[in-house]
PDB file of N, CA and C in Angstrom:
ATOM      1  N   UNK A   1      24.078 108.531  59.326  1.00  0.00           N
ATOM      2  CA  UNK A   1      23.969 107.430  60.250  1.00  0.00           C
ATOM      3  C   UNK A   1      25.374 107.007  60.678  1.00  0.00           C
ATOM      4  N   UNK A   2      25.542 106.656  61.939  1.00  0.00           N
ATOM      5  CA  UNK A   2      26.845 106.298  62.486  1.00  0.00           C
ATOM      6  C   UNK A   2      27.268 104.887  62.111  1.00  0.00           C
ATOM      7  N   UNK A   3      28.441 104.535  62.558  1.00  0.00           N
ATOM      8  CA  UNK A   3      28.976 103.203  62.313  1.00  0.00           C
ATOM      9  C   UNK A   3      28.183 102.161  63.091  1.00  0.00           C
ATOM     10  N   UNK A   4      28.001 101.023  62.466  1.00  0.00           N
ATOM     11  CA  UNK A   4      27.446  99.913  63.232  1.00  0.00           C
ATOM     12  C   UNK A   4      28.585  99.311  64.036  1.00  0.00           C
ATOM     13  N   UNK A   5      28.270  98.662  65.111  1.00  0.00           N
ATOM     14  CA  UNK A   5      29.316  98.132  65.983  1.00  0.00           C
ATOM     15  C   UNK A   5      30.188  97.103  65.280  1.00  0.00           C
ATOM     16  N   UNK A   6      29.633  96.367  64.346  1.00  0.00           N
ATOM     17  CA  UNK A   6      30.434  95.344  63.678  1.00  0.00           C
ATOM     18  C   UNK A   6      31.501  95.945  62.777  1.00  0.00           C
ATOM     19  N   UNK A   7      31.319  97.161  62.345  1.00  0.00           N
ATOM     20  CA  UNK A   7      32.283  97.791  61.440  1.00  0.00           C
ATOM     21  C   UNK A   7      33.604  98.139  62.114  1.00  0.00           C
ATOM     22  N   UNK A   8      33.636  98.180  63.435  1.00  0.00           N
ATOM     23  CA  UNK A   8      34.887  98.528  64.119  1.00  0.00           C
ATOM     24  C   UNK A   8      35.748  97.292  64.392  1.00  0.00           C
ATOM     25  N   UNK A   9      35.239  96.112  64.031  1.00  0.00           N
ATOM     26  CA  UNK A   9      35.975  94.873  64.240  1.00  0.00           C
ATOM     27  C   UNK A   9      36.450  94.308  62.908  1.00  0.00           C
ATOM     28  N   UNK A  10      37.440  93.437  62.968  1.00  0.00           N
ATOM     29  CA  UNK A  10      37.971  92.846  61.741  1.00  0.00           C
ATOM     30  C   UNK A  10      36.967  91.851  61.162  1.00  0.00           C
ATOM     31  N   UNK A  11      37.174  91.530  59.899  1.00  0.00           N
ATOM     32  CA  UNK A  11      36.323  90.522  59.254  1.00  0.00           C
ATOM     33  C   UNK A  11      36.415  89.190  59.984  1.00  0.00           C
ATOM     34  N   UNK A  12      37.616  88.825  60.412  1.00  0.00           N
ATOM     35  CA  UNK A  12      37.789  87.558  61.128  1.00  0.00           C
ATOM     36  C   UNK A  12      37.043  87.563  62.457  1.00  0.00           C
ATOM     37  N   UNK A  13      37.088  88.679  63.170  1.00  0.00           N
ATOM     38  CA  UNK A  13      36.366  88.777  64.448  1.00  0.00           C
ATOM     39  C   UNK A  13      34.861  88.673  64.236  1.00  0.00           C
ATOM     40  N   UNK A  14      34.364  89.357  63.216  1.00  0.00           N
ATOM     41  CA  UNK A  14      32.932  89.297  62.918  1.00  0.00           C
ATOM     42  C   UNK A  14      32.515  87.891  62.493  1.00  0.00           C
ATOM     43  N   UNK A  15      33.318  87.260  61.671  1.00  0.00           N
ATOM     44  CA  UNK A  15      33.013  85.902  61.202  1.00  0.00           C
ATOM     45  C   UNK A  15      32.981  84.925  62.374  1.00  0.00           C
ATOM     46  N   UNK A  16      33.974  85.011  63.247  1.00  0.00           N
ATOM     47  CA  UNK A  16      34.033  84.119  64.393  1.00  0.00           C
ATOM     48  C   UNK A  16      32.841  84.340  65.321  1.00  0.00           C
ATOM     49  N   UNK A  17      32.451  85.582  65.514  1.00  0.00           N
ATOM     50  CA  UNK A  17      31.290  85.895  66.354  1.00  0.00           C
ATOM     51  C   UNK A  17      30.017  85.307  65.760  1.00  0.00           C
ATOM     52  N   UNK A  18      29.871  85.386  64.457  1.00  0.00           N
ATOM     53  CA  UNK A  18      28.700  84.814  63.791  1.00  0.00           C
ATOM     54  C   UNK A  18      28.676  83.300  63.960  1.00  0.00           C
ATOM     55  N   UNK A  19      29.830  82.660  63.787  1.00  0.00           N
ATOM     56  CA  UNK A  19      29.916  81.208  63.958  1.00  0.00           C
ATOM     57  C   UNK A  19      29.534  80.820  65.379  1.00  0.00           C
ATOM     58  N   UNK A  20      30.097  81.523  66.367  1.00  0.00           N
ATOM     59  CA  UNK A  20      29.759  81.224  67.759  1.00  0.00           C
ATOM     60  C   UNK A  20      28.266  81.409  68.018  1.00  0.00           C
ATOM     61  N   UNK A  21      27.698  82.454  67.452  1.00  0.00           N
ATOM     62  CA  UNK A  21      26.268  82.708  67.651  1.00  0.00           C
ATOM     63  C   UNK A  21      25.426  81.574  67.074  1.00  0.00           C
ATOM     64  N   UNK A  22      25.744  81.163  65.860  1.00  0.00           N
ATOM     65  CA  UNK A  22      24.974  80.092  65.220  1.00  0.00           C
ATOM     66  C   UNK A  22      25.175  78.770  65.953  1.00  0.00           C
ATOM     67  N   UNK A  23      26.400  78.488  66.364  1.00  0.00           N
ATOM     68  CA  UNK A  23      26.674  77.231  67.059  1.00  0.00           C
ATOM     69  C   UNK A  23      26.248  77.278  68.528  1.00  0.00           C
ATOM     70  N   UNK A  24      25.775  78.428  68.978  1.00  0.00           N
ATOM     71  CA  UNK A  24      25.383  78.602  70.370  1.00  0.00           C
ATOM     72  C   UNK A  24      24.022  78.038  70.731  1.00  0.00           C
ATOM     73  N   UNK A  25      23.379  77.330  69.830  1.00  0.00           N
ATOM     74  CA  UNK A  25      22.074  76.734  70.132  1.00  0.00           C
ATOM     75  C   UNK A  25      22.214  75.215  70.128  1.00  0.00           C
ATOM     76  N   UNK A  26      21.759  74.549  71.184  1.00  0.00           N
ATOM     77  CA  UNK A  26      21.936  73.092  71.258  1.00  0.00           C
ATOM     78  C   UNK A  26      21.257  72.314  70.135  1.00  0.00           C
ATOM     79  N   UNK A  27      20.165  72.823  69.597  1.00  0.00           N
ATOM     80  CA  UNK A  27      19.506  72.123  68.487  1.00  0.00           C
ATOM     81  C   UNK A  27      20.403  72.115  67.255  1.00  0.00           C
ATOM     82  N   UNK A  28      21.122  73.200  67.026  1.00  0.00           N
ATOM     83  CA  UNK A  28      22.014  73.262  65.864  1.00  0.00           C
ATOM     84  C   UNK A  28      23.206  72.334  66.050  1.00  0.00           C
ATOM     85  N   UNK A  29      23.694  72.240  67.270  1.00  0.00           N
ATOM     86  CA  UNK A  29      24.774  71.293  67.556  1.00  0.00           C
ATOM     87  C   UNK A  29      24.271  69.878  67.313  1.00  0.00           C
ATOM     88  N   UNK A  30      23.054  69.579  67.780  1.00  0.00           N
ATOM     89  CA  UNK A  30      22.477  68.246  67.584  1.00  0.00           C
ATOM     90  C   UNK A  30      22.296  67.929  66.102  1.00  0.00           C
ATOM     91  N   UNK A  31      21.861  68.907  65.336  1.00  0.00           N
ATOM     92  CA  UNK A  31      21.695  68.713  63.887  1.00  0.00           C
ATOM     93  C   UNK A  31      23.045  68.391  63.249  1.00  0.00           C
ATOM     94  N   UNK A  32      24.059  69.180  63.575  1.00  0.00           N
ATOM     95  CA  UNK A  32      25.389  68.935  63.005  1.00  0.00           C
ATOM     96  C   UNK A  32      25.921  67.569  63.419  1.00  0.00           C
ATOM     97  N   UNK A  33      25.753  67.219  64.685  1.00  0.00           N
ATOM     98  CA  UNK A  33      26.221  65.915  65.152  1.00  0.00           C
ATOM     99  C   UNK A  33      25.503  64.782  64.424  1.00  0.00           C
ATOM    100  N   UNK A  34      24.212  64.949  64.201  1.00  0.00           N
ATOM    101  CA  UNK A  34      23.447  63.915  63.491  1.00  0.00           C
ATOM    102  C   UNK A  34      23.946  63.749  62.063  1.00  0.00           C
ATOM    103  N   UNK A  35      24.157  64.864  61.376  1.00  0.00           N
ATOM    104  CA  UNK A  35      24.648  64.788  59.996  1.00  0.00           C
ATOM    105  C   UNK A  35      26.035  64.146  59.968  1.00  0.00           C
ATOM    106  N   UNK A  36      26.901  64.554  60.874  1.00  0.00           N
ATOM    107  CA  UNK A  36      28.258  64.001  60.924  1.00  0.00           C
ATOM    108  C   UNK A  36      28.213  62.504  61.219  1.00  0.00           C
ATOM    109  N   UNK A  37      27.395  62.102  62.188  1.00  0.00           N
ATOM    110  CA  UNK A  37      27.309  60.681  62.557  1.00  0.00           C
ATOM    111  C   UNK A  37      26.734  59.814  61.454  1.00  0.00           C
ATOM    112  N   UNK A  38      25.896  60.391  60.605  1.00  0.00           N
ATOM    113  CA  UNK A  38      25.310  59.635  59.498  1.00  0.00           C
ATOM    114  C   UNK A  38      26.332  59.358  58.407  1.00  0.00           C
ATOM    115  N   UNK A  39      27.384  60.185  58.376  1.00  0.00           N
ATOM    116  CA  UNK A  39      28.429  60.065  57.345  1.00  0.00           C
ATOM    117  C   UNK A  39      27.843  60.108  55.928  1.00  0.00           C
ATOM    118  N   UNK A  40      26.733  60.822  55.805  1.00  0.00           N
ATOM    119  CA  UNK A  40      26.049  60.954  54.515  1.00  0.00           C
ATOM    120  C   UNK A  40      25.089  62.138  54.613  1.00  0.00           C
ATOM    121  N   UNK A  41      24.548  62.513  53.489  1.00  0.00           N
ATOM    122  CA  UNK A  41      23.519  63.546  53.493  1.00  0.00           C
ATOM    123  C   UNK A  41      22.273  63.011  54.190  1.00  0.00           C
ATOM    124  N   UNK A  42      21.553  63.900  54.834  1.00  0.00           N
ATOM    125  CA  UNK A  42      20.320  63.495  55.507  1.00  0.00           C
ATOM    126  C   UNK A  42      19.140  64.149  54.803  1.00  0.00           C
ATOM    127  N   UNK A  43      18.040  63.436  54.772  1.00  0.00           N
ATOM    128  CA  UNK A  43      16.825  63.933  54.133  1.00  0.00           C
ATOM    129  C   UNK A  43      15.621  63.637  55.031  1.00  0.00           C
ATOM    130  N   UNK A  44      15.053  64.676  55.598  1.00  0.00           N
ATOM    131  CA  UNK A  44      13.773  64.583  56.302  1.00  0.00           C
ATOM    132  C   UNK A  44      13.704  63.650  57.499  1.00  0.00           C
ATOM    133  N   UNK A  45      14.784  63.269  58.135  1.00  0.00           N
ATOM    134  CA  UNK A  45      14.644  62.421  59.305  1.00  0.00           C
ATOM    135  C   UNK A  45      14.972  63.156  60.600  1.00  0.00           C
ATOM    136  N   UNK A  46      15.164  64.453  60.539  1.00  0.00           N
ATOM    137  CA  UNK A  46      15.519  65.211  61.727  1.00  0.00           C
ATOM    138  C   UNK A  46      14.360  65.393  62.695  1.00  0.00           C
ATOM    139  N   UNK A  47      13.146  65.462  62.201  1.00  0.00           N
ATOM    140  CA  UNK A  47      11.988  65.636  63.073  1.00  0.00           C
ATOM    141  C   UNK A  47      11.892  64.449  64.035  1.00  0.00           C
ATOM    142  N   UNK A  48      11.987  63.253  63.499  1.00  0.00           N
ATOM    143  CA  UNK A  48      11.928  62.064  64.342  1.00  0.00           C
ATOM    144  C   UNK A  48      13.158  61.957  65.233  1.00  0.00           C
ATOM    145  N   UNK A  49      14.312  62.285  64.696  1.00  0.00           N
ATOM    146  CA  UNK A  49      15.565  62.149  65.430  1.00  0.00           C
ATOM    147  C   UNK A  49      15.656  63.118  66.610  1.00  0.00           C
ATOM    148  N   UNK A  50      15.272  64.371  66.391  1.00  0.00           N
ATOM    149  CA  UNK A  50      15.446  65.402  67.405  1.00  0.00           C
ATOM    150  C   UNK A  50      14.201  65.689  68.221  1.00  0.00           C
ATOM    151  N   UNK A  51      13.055  65.303  67.721  1.00  0.00           N
ATOM    152  CA  UNK A  51      11.823  65.555  68.453  1.00  0.00           C
ATOM    153  C   UNK A  51      11.376  67.004  68.437  1.00  0.00           C
ATOM    154  N   UNK A  52      11.833  67.755  67.464  1.00  0.00           N
ATOM    155  CA  UNK A  52      11.412  69.148  67.311  1.00  0.00           C
ATOM    156  C   UNK A  52      10.453  69.260  66.140  1.00  0.00           C
ATOM    157  N   UNK A  53       9.673  70.321  66.119  1.00  0.00           N
ATOM    158  CA  UNK A  53       8.734  70.554  65.027  1.00  0.00           C
ATOM    159  C   UNK A  53       9.499  70.826  63.728  1.00  0.00           C
ATOM    160  N   UNK A  54       8.896  70.477  62.618  1.00  0.00           N
ATOM    161  CA  UNK A  54       9.519  70.684  61.309  1.00  0.00           C
ATOM    162  C   UNK A  54       9.877  72.144  61.090  1.00  0.00           C
ATOM    163  N   UNK A  55       8.985  73.051  61.492  1.00  0.00           N
ATOM    164  CA  UNK A  55       9.258  74.479  61.307  1.00  0.00           C
ATOM    165  C   UNK A  55      10.477  74.919  62.117  1.00  0.00           C
ATOM    166  N   UNK A  56      10.620  74.383  63.316  1.00  0.00           N
ATOM    167  CA  UNK A  56      11.767  74.713  64.165  1.00  0.00           C
ATOM    168  C   UNK A  56      13.054  74.201  63.543  1.00  0.00           C
ATOM    169  N   UNK A  57      13.026  72.973  63.074  1.00  0.00           N
ATOM    170  CA  UNK A  57      14.207  72.396  62.440  1.00  0.00           C
ATOM    171  C   UNK A  57      14.565  73.163  61.176  1.00  0.00           C
ATOM    172  N   UNK A  58      13.561  73.542  60.407  1.00  0.00           N
ATOM    173  CA  UNK A  58      13.817  74.320  59.188  1.00  0.00           C
ATOM    174  C   UNK A  58      14.517  75.633  59.506  1.00  0.00           C
ATOM    175  N   UNK A  59      14.108  76.283  60.586  1.00  0.00           N
ATOM    176  CA  UNK A  59      14.741  77.546  60.977  1.00  0.00           C
ATOM    177  C   UNK A  59      16.203  77.320  61.369  1.00  0.00           C
ATOM    178  N   UNK A  60      16.464  76.248  62.113  1.00  0.00           N
ATOM    179  CA  UNK A  60      17.842  75.952  62.509  1.00  0.00           C
ATOM    180  C   UNK A  60      18.697  75.583  61.292  1.00  0.00           C
ATOM    181  N   UNK A  61      18.139  74.822  60.385  1.00  0.00           N
ATOM    182  CA  UNK A  61      18.860  74.472  59.153  1.00  0.00           C
ATOM    183  C   UNK A  61      19.191  75.730  58.357  1.00  0.00           C
ATOM    184  N   UNK A  62      18.258  76.664  58.330  1.00  0.00           N
ATOM    185  CA  UNK A  62      18.476  77.921  57.610  1.00  0.00           C
ATOM    186  C   UNK A  62      19.660  78.679  58.204  1.00  0.00           C
ATOM    187  N   UNK A  63      19.748  78.730  59.526  1.00  0.00           N
ATOM    188  CA  UNK A  63      20.856  79.426  60.178  1.00  0.00           C
ATOM    189  C   UNK A  63      22.188  78.740  59.878  1.00  0.00           C
ATOM    190  N   UNK A  64      22.198  77.415  59.912  1.00  0.00           N
ATOM    191  CA  UNK A  64      23.419  76.668  59.600  1.00  0.00           C
ATOM    192  C   UNK A  64      23.818  76.857  58.140  1.00  0.00           C
ATOM    193  N   UNK A  65      22.817  76.910  57.279  1.00  0.00           N
ATOM    194  CA  UNK A  65      23.093  77.099  55.856  1.00  0.00           C
ATOM    195  C   UNK A  65      23.594  78.527  55.580  1.00  0.00           C
ATOM    196  N   UNK A  66      23.081  79.494  56.339  1.00  0.00           N
ATOM    197  CA  UNK A  66      23.500  80.886  56.150  1.00  0.00           C
ATOM    198  C   UNK A  66      24.990  81.087  56.395  1.00  0.00           C
ATOM    199  N   UNK A  67      25.575  80.338  57.325  1.00  0.00           N
ATOM    200  CA  UNK A  67      27.019  80.470  57.549  1.00  0.00           C
ATOM    201  C   UNK A  67      27.796  79.502  56.665  1.00  0.00           C
ATOM    202  N   UNK A  68      27.080  78.701  55.884  1.00  0.00           N
ATOM    203  CA  UNK A  68      27.724  77.839  54.907  1.00  0.00           C
ATOM    204  C   UNK A  68      28.216  76.508  55.435  1.00  0.00           C
ATOM    205  N   UNK A  69      27.958  76.211  56.700  1.00  0.00           N
ATOM    206  CA  UNK A  69      28.490  74.983  57.286  1.00  0.00           C
ATOM    207  C   UNK A  69      27.769  73.742  56.753  1.00  0.00           C
ATOM    208  N   UNK A  70      26.538  73.931  56.296  1.00  0.00           N
ATOM    209  CA  UNK A  70      25.834  72.845  55.616  1.00  0.00           C
ATOM    210  C   UNK A  70      25.396  73.340  54.253  1.00  0.00           C
ATOM    211  N   UNK A  71      25.179  72.394  53.375  1.00  0.00           N
ATOM    212  CA  UNK A  71      24.634  72.729  52.059  1.00  0.00           C
ATOM    213  C   UNK A  71      23.503  71.761  51.792  1.00  0.00           C
ATOM    214  N   UNK A  72      22.587  72.186  50.955  1.00  0.00           N
ATOM    215  CA  UNK A  72      21.433  71.357  50.673  1.00  0.00           C
ATOM    216  C   UNK A  72      21.156  71.227  49.200  1.00  0.00           C
ATOM    217  N   UNK A  73      20.510  70.129  48.869  1.00  0.00           N
ATOM    218  CA  UNK A  73      20.088  69.917  47.490  1.00  0.00           C
ATOM    219  C   UNK A  73      18.653  69.410  47.506  1.00  0.00           C
ATOM    220  N   UNK A  74      17.885  69.847  46.533  1.00  0.00           N
ATOM    221  CA  UNK A  74      16.479  69.461  46.453  1.00  0.00           C
ATOM    222  C   UNK A  74      16.361  68.201  45.617  1.00  0.00           C
ATOM    223  N   UNK A  75      15.718  67.197  46.195  1.00  0.00           N
ATOM    224  CA  UNK A  75      15.465  65.940  45.500  1.00  0.00           C
ATOM    225  C   UNK A  75      13.975  65.630  45.610  1.00  0.00           C
ATOM    226  N   UNK A  76      13.249  65.962  44.559  1.00  0.00           N
ATOM    227  CA  UNK A  76      11.797  65.784  44.610  1.00  0.00           C
ATOM    228  C   UNK A  76      11.188  66.761  45.589  1.00  0.00           C
ATOM    229  N   UNK A  77      10.421  66.230  46.576  1.00  0.00           N
ATOM    230  CA  UNK A  77       9.794  67.083  47.582  1.00  0.00           C
ATOM    231  C   UNK A  77      10.671  67.300  48.803  1.00  0.00           C
ATOM    232  N   UNK A  78      11.791  66.614  48.877  1.00  0.00           N
ATOM    233  CA  UNK A  78      12.628  66.740  50.067  1.00  0.00           C
ATOM    234  C   UNK A  78      13.916  67.500  49.768  1.00  0.00           C
ATOM    235  N   UNK A  79      14.460  68.076  50.827  1.00  0.00           N
ATOM    236  CA  UNK A  79      15.748  68.749  50.743  1.00  0.00           C
ATOM    237  C   UNK A  79      16.729  67.917  51.559  1.00  0.00           C
ATOM    238  N   UNK A  80      17.850  67.593  50.960  1.00  0.00           N
ATOM    239  CA  UNK A  80      18.876  66.805  51.632  1.00  0.00           C
ATOM    240  C   UNK A  80      20.008  67.738  52.044  1.00  0.00           C
ATOM    241  N   UNK A  81      20.530  67.527  53.240  1.00  0.00           N
ATOM    242  CA  UNK A  81      21.590  68.371  53.765  1.00  0.00           C
ATOM    243  C   UNK A  81      22.824  67.551  54.080  1.00  0.00           C
ATOM    244  N   UNK A  82      23.980  68.181  53.881  1.00  0.00           N
ATOM    245  CA  UNK A  82      25.243  67.564  54.264  1.00  0.00           C
ATOM    246  C   UNK A  82      26.208  68.663  54.688  1.00  0.00           C
ATOM    247  N   UNK A  83      27.280  68.257  55.336  1.00  0.00           N
ATOM    248  CA  UNK A  83      28.313  69.197  55.764  1.00  0.00           C
ATOM    249  C   UNK A  83      29.088  69.666  54.533  1.00  0.00           C
ATOM    250  N   UNK A  84      29.345  70.965  54.458  1.00  0.00           N
ATOM    251  CA  UNK A  84      30.211  71.498  53.407  1.00  0.00           C
ATOM    252  C   UNK A  84      31.637  71.364  53.927  1.00  0.00           C
ATOM    253  N   UNK A  85      32.370  70.414  53.395  1.00  0.00           N
ATOM    254  CA  UNK A  85      33.703  70.089  53.897  1.00  0.00           C
ATOM    255  C   UNK A  85      34.656  71.285  53.906  1.00  0.00           C
ATOM    256  N   UNK A  86      34.588  72.105  52.880  1.00  0.00           N
ATOM    257  CA  UNK A  86      35.493  73.256  52.786  1.00  0.00           C
ATOM    258  C   UNK A  86      35.199  74.258  53.899  1.00  0.00           C
ATOM    259  N   UNK A  87      33.932  74.591  54.083  1.00  0.00           N
ATOM    260  CA  UNK A  87      33.551  75.549  55.127  1.00  0.00           C
ATOM    261  C   UNK A  87      33.816  74.953  56.503  1.00  0.00           C
ATOM    262  N   UNK A  88      33.496  73.664  56.669  1.00  0.00           N
ATOM    263  CA  UNK A  88      33.744  72.979  57.941  1.00  0.00           C
ATOM    264  C   UNK A  88      35.231  73.093  58.301  1.00  0.00           C
ATOM    265  N   UNK A  89      36.101  72.845  57.351  1.00  0.00           N
ATOM    266  CA  UNK A  89      37.536  72.930  57.589  1.00  0.00           C
ATOM    267  C   UNK A  89      37.981  74.335  57.942  1.00  0.00           C
ATOM    268  N   UNK A  90      37.435  75.324  57.257  1.00  0.00           N
ATOM    269  CA  UNK A  90      37.775  76.720  57.535  1.00  0.00           C
ATOM    270  C   UNK A  90      37.353  77.106  58.947  1.00  0.00           C
ATOM    271  N   UNK A  91      36.120  76.746  59.323  1.00  0.00           N
ATOM    272  CA  UNK A  91      35.638  77.060  60.669  1.00  0.00           C
ATOM    273  C   UNK A  91      36.465  76.324  61.713  1.00  0.00           C
ATOM    274  N   UNK A  92      36.785  75.082  61.435  1.00  0.00           N
ATOM    275  CA  UNK A  92      37.612  74.295  62.354  1.00  0.00           C
ATOM    276  C   UNK A  92      38.974  74.981  62.555  1.00  0.00           C
ATOM    277  N   UNK A  93      39.589  75.411  61.472  1.00  0.00           N
ATOM    278  CA  UNK A  93      40.879  76.103  61.559  1.00  0.00           C
ATOM    279  C   UNK A  93      40.772  77.398  62.362  1.00  0.00           C
ATOM    280  N   UNK A  94      39.697  78.167  62.134  1.00  0.00           N
ATOM    281  CA  UNK A  94      39.506  79.426  62.854  1.00  0.00           C
ATOM    282  C   UNK A  94      39.343  79.176  64.353  1.00  0.00           C
ATOM    283  N   UNK A  95      38.570  78.147  64.706  1.00  0.00           N
ATOM    284  CA  UNK A  95      38.350  77.842  66.121  1.00  0.00           C
ATOM    285  C   UNK A  95      39.620  77.324  66.783  1.00  0.00           C
ATOM    286  N   UNK A  96      40.361  76.490  66.082  1.00  0.00           N
ATOM    287  CA  UNK A  96      41.627  75.989  66.627  1.00  0.00           C
ATOM    288  C   UNK A  96      42.586  77.156  66.877  1.00  0.00           C
ATOM    289  N   UNK A  97      42.690  78.052  65.910  1.00  0.00           N
ATOM    290  CA  UNK A  97      43.562  79.214  66.067  1.00  0.00           C
ATOM    291  C   UNK A  97      43.118  80.074  67.241  1.00  0.00           C
ATOM    292  N   UNK A  98      41.828  80.281  67.367  1.00  0.00           N
ATOM    293  CA  UNK A  98      41.293  81.106  68.458  1.00  0.00           C
ATOM    294  C   UNK A  98      41.610  80.489  69.816  1.00  0.00           C
ATOM    295  N   UNK A  99      41.402  79.183  69.950  1.00  0.00           N
ATOM    296  CA  UNK A  99      41.579  78.530  71.236  1.00  0.00           C
ATOM    297  C   UNK A  99      43.027  78.148  71.542  1.00  0.00           C
ATOM    298  N   UNK A 100      43.929  78.229  70.588  1.00  0.00           N
ATOM    299  CA  UNK A 100      45.317  77.893  70.878  1.00  0.00           C
ATOM    300  C   UNK A 100      46.145  79.106  71.245  1.00  0.00           C
ATOM    301  N   UNK A 101      45.563  80.283  71.173  1.00  0.00           N
ATOM    302  CA  UNK A 101      46.270  81.466  71.660  1.00  0.00           C
ATOM    303  C   UNK A 101      46.358  81.343  73.185  1.00  0.00           C
ATOM    304  N   UNK A 102      47.549  81.440  73.700  1.00  0.00           N
ATOM    305  CA  UNK A 102      47.732  81.314  75.144  1.00  0.00           C
ATOM    306  C   UNK A 102      47.344  82.618  75.829  1.00  0.00           C
ATOM    307  N   UNK A 103      46.408  82.513  76.744  1.00  0.00           N
ATOM    308  CA  UNK A 103      46.027  83.667  77.529  1.00  0.00           C
ATOM    309  C   UNK A 103      47.081  83.864  78.629  1.00  0.00           C
ATOM    310  N   UNK A 104      47.432  85.111  78.899  1.00  0.00           N
ATOM    311  CA  UNK A 104      48.429  85.329  79.935  1.00  0.00           C
ATOM    312  C   UNK A 104      47.923  84.838  81.294  1.00  0.00           C
ATOM    313  N   UNK A 105      48.806  84.259  82.061  1.00  0.00           N
ATOM    314  CA  UNK A 105      48.396  83.770  83.382  1.00  0.00           C
ATOM    315  C   UNK A 105      48.742  84.810  84.436  1.00  0.00           C
ATOM    316  N   UNK A 106      47.919  85.821  84.475  1.00  0.00           N
ATOM    317  CA  UNK A 106      48.104  86.902  85.466  1.00  0.00           C
ATOM    318  C   UNK A 106      47.511  86.468  86.783  1.00  0.00           C
ATOM    319  N   UNK A 107      48.129  86.910  87.836  1.00  0.00           N
ATOM    320  CA  UNK A 107      47.609  86.587  89.162  1.00  0.00           C
ATOM    321  C   UNK A 107      46.830  87.762  89.740  1.00  0.00           C
ATOM    322  N   UNK A 108      46.438  88.687  88.880  1.00  0.00           N
ATOM    323  CA  UNK A 108      45.757  89.885  89.367  1.00  0.00           C
ATOM    324  C   UNK A 108      44.269  89.676  89.636  1.00  0.00           C
ATOM    325  N   UNK A 109      43.703  88.628  89.128  1.00  0.00           N
ATOM    326  CA  UNK A 109      42.257  88.410  89.278  1.00  0.00           C
ATOM    327  C   UNK A 109      41.955  87.292  90.235  1.00  0.00           C
TER     328      UNK A 109
END
């Protein structure tokens, strides 16, 4: 079997692409903004807050958790989520580095 396309790119390039993909959905941005604005862990109030079905929110939470940007803990029947500060900082640093590279200002296009 041949190489997968991701194998020809660096780990940093693959990681950044995954982050962009996960953050590329407005519901996930809304979830992150809600958690950040609460300044605390959230438990089961996203359905009312976002107006999405529980199953949909669970899928988005799973994607955010897969990249490590949020972490969860089980308390009784509910799962509480909060931002993982270490991962948040790492992603923030990667995005800042990516966007601060100056693109050449060519007049060819």
